[in-house]
Protein backbone atom coordinates (compact mmCIF):
# COMPACT_ATOMS: atom_id res chain seq x y z
CA UNK A 1 4.73 -6.39 23.44
CA UNK A 2 1.67 -5.68 21.71
CA UNK A 3 1.96 -4.13 18.02
CA UNK A 4 1.01 -0.73 17.37
CA UNK A 5 -0.40 -1.78 13.71
CA UNK A 6 -2.33 -5.23 12.80
CA UNK A 7 -0.42 -6.37 9.63
CA UNK A 8 -3.87 -6.04 7.89
CA UNK A 9 -4.53 -2.68 8.11
CA UNK A 10 -0.83 -1.44 7.14
CA UNK A 11 -1.49 -3.82 4.20
CA UNK A 12 -4.50 -1.71 3.19
CA UNK A 13 -3.12 1.95 4.08
CA UNK A 14 -2.60 4.10 1.51
CA UNK A 15 1.19 5.03 0.84
CA UNK A 16 0.80 8.85 1.77
CA UNK A 17 -0.77 7.51 5.07
CA UNK A 18 2.00 4.69 5.89
CA UNK A 19 4.63 7.49 5.11
CA UNK A 20 3.06 10.17 7.57
CA UNK A 21 2.51 7.61 10.02
CA UNK A 22 5.95 6.87 9.98
CA UNK A 23 6.91 10.20 10.42
CA UNK A 24 4.97 9.96 13.55
CA UNK A 25 6.29 7.13 15.32
CA UNK A 26 9.77 8.33 14.10
CA UNK A 27 9.22 11.97 16.05
CA UNK A 28 7.67 10.40 18.79
CA UNK A 29 10.04 7.97 19.91
CA UNK A 30 12.63 10.07 19.41
CA UNK A 31 10.83 12.82 21.61
CA UNK A 32 10.17 10.32 24.31
CA UNK A 33 14.23 9.44 23.95
CA UNK A 34 15.14 12.67 24.83
CA UNK A 35 12.62 12.94 27.74
CA UNK A 36 14.08 9.65 28.92
CA UNK A 37 17.35 11.12 28.95
CA UNK A 38 16.80 14.54 30.36
CA UNK A 39 15.16 13.07 33.48
CA UNK A 40 17.35 10.55 34.03
CA UNK A 41 16.28 11.06 37.63
CA UNK A 42 13.11 10.12 37.37
CA UNK A 43 12.11 7.02 39.46
CA UNK A 44 12.86 3.37 38.37
CA UNK A 45 8.85 2.31 37.25
CA UNK A 46 8.58 5.65 35.03
CA UNK A 47 11.50 5.82 33.13
CA UNK A 48 10.80 1.72 32.77
CA UNK A 49 7.22 2.95 31.26
CA UNK A 50 9.09 5.40 29.18
CA UNK A 51 11.75 2.79 27.37
CA UNK A 52 8.51 0.04 26.65
CA UNK A 53 6.25 3.11 25.27
CA UNK A 54 10.08 4.10 23.33
CA UNK A 55 9.94 0.16 22.08
CA UNK A 56 6.30 0.39 21.11
CA UNK A 57 7.05 3.08 18.96
CA UNK A 58 10.56 1.40 17.75
CA UNK A 59 8.61 -1.47 16.73
CA UNK A 60 6.18 0.42 14.82
CA UNK A 61 8.15 1.72 12.99
CA UNK A 62 10.01 -1.48 11.64
CA UNK A 63 6.39 -2.40 10.66
CA UNK A 64 5.84 0.18 8.70
CA UNK A 65 8.97 0.16 6.88
CA UNK A 66 8.49 -3.73 6.60
CA UNK A 67 5.23 -3.02 4.91
CA UNK A 68 7.13 0.09 2.52
CA UNK A 69 9.92 -2.04 1.68
CA UNK A 70 7.19 -4.96 0.68
CA UNK A 71 5.06 -2.69 -1.70
CA UNK A 72 8.65 -1.36 -3.06
CA UNK A 73 7.57 2.39 -1.78
CA UNK A 74 10.28 4.75 -0.74
CA UNK A 75 10.46 7.55 1.69
């Protein structure tokens, strides 16, 4: 899976931008999860695509949380 953010980009982000990006990836992954749950009738390739997209956002959330932790920033 390709990371959404490059580590150098995360390291150079302003703390406020980090928090806004964290909010964005959290909301997006939850929205996609909701779509997946509501559309259980989706055929397998579409459901798999949604799962991969959710995984990408969850990984981006981990990246941002890791950077915030490294800088001791609290959300």
